Amino acid sequence: MCRFLAYLGAPIGMGALLFDPSDSIIKQSYAAREIEEPLNGDGFGVGWYHHDRSPDPAVFVSVMPAWNNRNLRYLAPKVRSHCIVAHVRAASVGDVAEANCHPFHCQDRLMMHNGGVEQFAKIKRGLCNRLSQPMYDWVNGQTDSQHLFALMLDHLQAEHPTPDQVADAFEAMIADLKELMAKHGITDAAYLNMVYADGRILVGLRYVTDRSAALTMYYSEGKKYSCDGNVCRMIRGADKSEHTAMIVSEKLTDVEGDFIEVPPHHFVLVDPGLQVRLRPVKG
């Protein structure tokens, strides 16, 4: 079912997010604790931003397991950014291929997904028929995730959207998806834990299309994130210039209060000022 993290705030070394925490996302690639299937070894991806050089992110993906990628281990300690996202994949829809690895990148935007749409093949043609020509041409993989991202982006017309505009686009995508599922008689739940990032804002969605238990999602805010060896925690009372916000599918540490659960059927919105708030999903 995959695991992900998204970070926005004071510049930080990638290794402090990916490798250092006691329940780091690298550890989650082989021993995830908060999901039934602990193994997420069907590839990985990381994306990060350097706005002094380009509005578009750098992206590195591989079909190798994250725990066994030599290049990632070399790269992570040497990259520093104010916005970093990472994903480890357990393949459901789509082959184990680089085109199917998250995060999916379109211009200055990145998206990751933890979950899936059962019987996606039944609605794939109908979903593609709803895409604009540019977004249809952009899709180069097989996953339900990338197709849903394309559909969401077609609903997101703002060049520099606010978190609420991104949430509105996600709600429009959900409405389209539920309509297609009903049309094709799909009654299985679709699990939609998703994160959008563009280097300025983060938007996380925790949602499931029926009353099934939603997959886990947490956020953390307003504190400096620091690692000393493999002990990582949020330091309270840090200078405002060092504040951060994170959205994760699984807590990176067991420090009480560092990670707060996102309620099911809610968005978590992080604005450019690193203010975090929750918003219920309509419908």
Foldseek 3Di string as FASTA:
>chain_A
DKWKKKKAAFKDFQCLQAPQAPCHVLVQCQANDQDPDSHQAQKKKKWADDVVVFLAIDMDIDRGGSNPDPVCVVPRRPDIHRIMMMMGHDDDWFDSDRLPHDQDGDGLKTKDWDWADPPVVQCVVVLLVQADPVLNVSRDTGGPRSSLVRQLVVQQDDPDDALVSSLVSNLVSVVVVVVSCVVRVNPDKTFTFMWMDRNQKIKTAFEIPDPDDTQWKWKAWDFAWDGDGSHIAGDPPDDLNRIMMMMISGDSHPPPPRIGTQDHQWMWIQGNSRDIDIDHRDD
